[in-house]
Amino acid sequence: MSDVKVKVFTGSGSINFEEDQREDLNSVNDAKSLSDQVVKLKQLEDELVDKEKELKELKRKVELVSGEVIPTMMQEMNISTLKLADGSSVEVKPVYGASITVANKEAAYTWLRENGLGDLIKNEITVSFGRNEDNKASEYADLAKGHGYEPVQKLKVEPMTLKALVRERLESGQEMPSDLFNVFAGNRTKVTRSK
């Protein structure tokens, strides 16, 4: 049986059914290919979520061994550093951390000021100007509120500065209210590998 080509002539041109059928087939193939890629993307996203869970669990295990297991064992053995046969060394160091929650911000800043540590608080004032307002910005820098702009004021203590303060005060036996600063003190095992 031979292929039949049919051409239909209309007033404005002709229709080629064979060509139209190929275009429909290409559209079906394109849709299938797109569908395959969407399925592939969903599988990759699921795999990524699984790997992120695995990574989180691995980090938790590292934290447990580094922060609790090894420091406890070394403390019980009355060892502060250890050299291994392969040339690497192990040392447990104290680590500190702290943060100030929004709810405790005012009380924490008051405590810092009352204890002579107010200079740790950064006091930033920001004013925004529109385009082509360079002159107004310069005037404002000189006159502050003289032109009706209200500055946005932000008080903050840099996280690394707060961490250093906590380390300094705790190591010297000074008070650092943990209820205001979410103080964390722990240990971290440092392994120095041989080269």
Protein backbone atom coordinates (compact mmCIF):
# COMPACT_ATOMS: atom_id res chain seq x y z
CA MET A 1 0.00 0.00 0.00
CA SER A 2 1.40 3.37 -0.90
CA ASP A 3 1.36 6.60 1.08
CA VAL A 4 -1.37 8.90 0.03
CA LYS A 5 -0.72 12.60 -0.08
CA VAL A 6 -3.75 14.74 0.00
CA LYS A 7 -3.79 18.39 -0.78
CA VAL A 8 -6.89 20.39 -0.21
CA PHE A 9 -7.12 23.64 -2.01
CA THR A 10 -9.05 26.43 -0.47
CA GLY A 11 -9.53 29.92 -1.59
CA SER A 12 -6.54 31.13 0.42
CA GLY A 13 -4.05 28.31 -0.08
CA SER A 14 -3.52 24.58 0.44
CA ILE A 15 -3.32 22.23 3.46
CA ASN A 16 -0.73 19.44 3.62
CA PHE A 17 -2.05 16.78 6.04
CA GLU A 18 1.28 14.88 6.10
CA GLU A 19 3.18 17.99 7.24
CA ASP A 20 0.52 18.82 9.83
CA GLN A 21 0.75 15.26 11.18
CA ARG A 22 4.56 15.60 11.56
CA GLU A 23 4.12 18.91 13.40
CA ASP A 24 1.61 17.28 15.76
CA LEU A 25 4.08 14.42 16.36
CA ASN A 26 6.87 16.94 17.09
CA SER A 27 4.58 18.72 19.56
CA VAL A 28 3.85 15.42 21.32
CA ASN A 29 7.60 14.65 21.45
CA ASP A 30 8.36 18.14 22.82
CA ALA A 31 5.68 17.77 25.50
CA LYS A 32 7.04 14.33 26.46
CA SER A 33 10.58 15.72 26.64
CA LEU A 34 9.41 18.62 28.80
CA SER A 35 7.46 16.26 31.03
CA ASP A 36 10.57 14.08 31.43
CA GLN A 37 12.62 17.11 32.48
CA VAL A 38 10.00 18.18 35.03
CA VAL A 39 10.00 14.67 36.53
CA LYS A 40 13.82 14.77 36.57
CA LEU A 41 13.78 18.15 38.36
CA LYS A 42 11.38 16.82 41.01
CA GLN A 43 13.64 13.80 41.58
CA LEU A 44 16.71 16.04 41.88
CA GLU A 45 14.93 18.34 44.35
CA ASP A 46 13.91 15.32 46.44
CA GLU A 47 17.49 14.03 46.34
CA LEU A 48 18.77 17.46 47.42
CA VAL A 49 16.39 17.51 50.40
CA ASP A 50 17.60 14.03 51.40
CA LYS A 51 21.27 15.05 51.10
CA GLU A 52 20.66 18.21 53.15
CA LYS A 53 19.06 16.07 55.89
CA GLU A 54 22.08 13.73 55.76
CA LEU A 55 24.46 16.70 55.98
CA LYS A 56 22.55 18.16 58.93
CA GLU A 57 22.73 14.81 60.75
CA LEU A 58 26.47 14.49 59.97
CA LYS A 59 27.09 17.99 61.34
CA ARG A 60 25.16 17.08 64.49
CA LYS A 61 27.36 14.00 64.96
CA VAL A 62 30.55 16.03 64.42
CA GLU A 63 29.32 18.58 66.95
CA LEU A 64 28.57 15.84 69.49
CA VAL A 65 31.99 14.20 69.19
CA SER A 66 33.87 17.52 68.98
CA GLY A 67 31.94 19.37 71.67
CA GLU A 68 31.09 16.67 74.17
CA VAL A 69 32.61 13.22 73.71
CA ILE A 70 36.30 14.08 73.18
CA PRO A 71 36.37 17.03 75.65
CA THR A 72 34.77 14.88 78.36
CA MET A 73 37.17 11.99 77.76
CA MET A 74 40.22 14.27 77.73
CA GLN A 75 39.05 16.03 80.90
CA GLU A 76 38.52 12.70 82.67
CA MET A 77 42.04 11.66 81.60
CA ASN A 78 43.39 15.08 82.68
CA ILE A 79 44.79 15.74 79.19
CA SER A 80 44.68 19.13 77.46
CA THR A 81 46.53 18.23 74.25
CA LEU A 82 47.43 14.98 72.58
CA LYS A 83 49.92 14.09 69.85
CA LEU A 84 48.98 11.11 67.69
CA ALA A 85 51.34 8.62 66.04
CA ASP A 86 50.58 10.02 62.57
CA GLY A 87 51.87 13.46 63.60
CA SER A 88 48.49 15.12 64.04
CA SER A 89 47.52 16.72 67.33
CA VAL A 90 44.27 17.13 69.25
CA GLU A 91 43.44 20.03 71.51
CA VAL A 92 40.23 21.01 73.27
CA LYS A 93 39.54 24.73 73.39
CA PRO A 94 36.72 26.60 75.04
CA VAL A 95 34.23 28.33 72.75
CA TYR A 96 31.78 31.06 73.61
CA GLY A 97 28.77 32.53 71.98
CA ALA A 98 25.98 34.94 72.74
CA SER A 99 23.09 36.71 71.10
CA ILE A 100 20.60 39.35 72.03
CA THR A 101 16.96 38.62 71.27
CA VAL A 102 14.60 41.39 70.23
CA ALA A 103 12.67 40.90 73.47
CA ASN A 104 15.84 41.43 75.57
CA LYS A 105 17.39 44.18 73.46
CA GLU A 106 16.56 47.16 75.70
CA ALA A 107 17.46 45.35 78.93
CA ALA A 108 20.72 44.05 77.44
CA TYR A 109 21.71 47.52 76.20
CA THR A 110 20.85 49.00 79.61
CA TRP A 111 23.05 46.39 81.30
CA LEU A 112 25.94 47.14 78.92
CA ARG A 113 25.64 50.89 79.59
CA GLU A 114 25.39 50.42 83.37
CA ASN A 115 28.50 48.24 83.34
CA GLY A 116 30.67 50.67 81.39
CA LEU A 117 30.30 48.75 78.13
CA GLY A 118 28.01 51.14 76.28
CA ASP A 119 30.70 51.80 73.66
CA LEU A 120 30.04 48.29 72.28
CA ILE A 121 26.63 49.45 71.10
CA LYS A 122 26.71 50.82 67.57
CA ASN A 123 24.28 53.64 67.01
CA GLU A 124 23.56 54.02 63.30
CA ILE A 125 21.37 56.70 61.79
CA THR A 126 20.36 56.26 58.17
CA VAL A 127 18.62 58.79 55.96
CA SER A 128 17.51 57.99 52.42
CA PHE A 129 17.43 60.57 49.63
CA GLY A 130 15.95 60.28 46.19
CA ARG A 131 17.69 60.68 42.89
CA ASN A 132 19.37 63.98 42.18
CA GLU A 133 19.23 64.99 45.84
CA ASP A 134 22.97 65.13 46.44
CA ASN A 135 22.70 68.75 47.59
CA LYS A 136 20.03 67.86 50.11
CA ALA A 137 22.13 64.96 51.36
CA SER A 138 25.09 67.28 51.93
CA GLU A 139 22.91 69.82 53.71
CA TYR A 140 21.43 67.08 55.84
CA ALA A 141 24.83 65.82 56.85
CA ASP A 142 25.55 69.31 58.15
CA LEU A 143 22.17 70.20 59.60
CA ALA A 144 20.69 66.74 60.43
CA LYS A 145 16.96 67.27 60.84
CA GLY A 146 16.98 70.86 59.58
CA HIS A 147 15.19 69.98 56.32
CA GLY A 148 12.35 67.83 57.67
CA TYR A 149 13.80 64.38 57.07
CA GLU A 150 13.42 61.87 59.88
CA PRO A 151 16.41 59.57 60.33
CA VAL A 152 16.08 55.86 60.98
CA GLN A 153 18.03 54.94 64.08
CA LYS A 154 19.37 51.43 64.63
CA LEU A 155 21.23 50.24 67.69
CA LYS A 156 23.22 47.02 67.49
CA VAL A 157 26.13 45.12 68.96
CA GLU A 158 28.25 43.25 66.43
CA PRO A 159 28.03 39.47 67.01
CA MET A 160 31.82 38.96 67.06
CA THR A 161 32.23 41.86 69.51
CA LEU A 162 29.61 40.33 71.81
CA LYS A 163 31.28 36.92 71.54
CA ALA A 164 34.68 38.43 72.46
CA LEU A 165 33.11 40.24 75.42
CA VAL A 166 31.54 37.02 76.69
CA ARG A 167 34.84 35.11 76.37
CA GLU A 168 36.76 37.88 78.14
CA ARG A 169 34.31 38.21 81.02
CA LEU A 170 33.78 34.47 81.56
CA GLU A 171 37.50 33.69 81.46
CA SER A 172 38.20 36.44 83.99
CA GLY A 173 35.35 35.28 86.26
CA GLN A 174 33.16 38.36 85.71
CA GLU A 175 29.39 38.38 85.51
CA MET A 176 27.64 38.06 82.16
CA PRO A 177 23.86 37.68 82.53
CA SER A 178 22.92 34.69 80.38
CA ASP A 179 19.22 35.55 80.55
CA LEU A 180 19.86 38.82 78.68
CA PHE A 181 22.54 37.63 76.26
CA ASN A 182 21.77 33.93 75.56
CA VAL A 183 25.30 33.07 76.64
CA PHE A 184 26.79 29.81 75.40
CA ALA A 185 30.00 28.32 76.73
CA GLY A 186 31.30 24.97 75.57
CA ASN A 187 34.27 23.14 74.16
CA ARG A 188 35.46 22.44 70.67
CA THR A 189 37.98 19.83 69.67
CA LYS A 190 40.60 21.04 67.24
CA VAL A 191 42.45 18.42 65.24
CA THR A 192 45.64 19.66 63.55
CA ARG A 193 46.52 17.22 60.80
CA SER A 194 50.09 16.46 59.91
CA LYS A 195 51.25 17.58 56.49
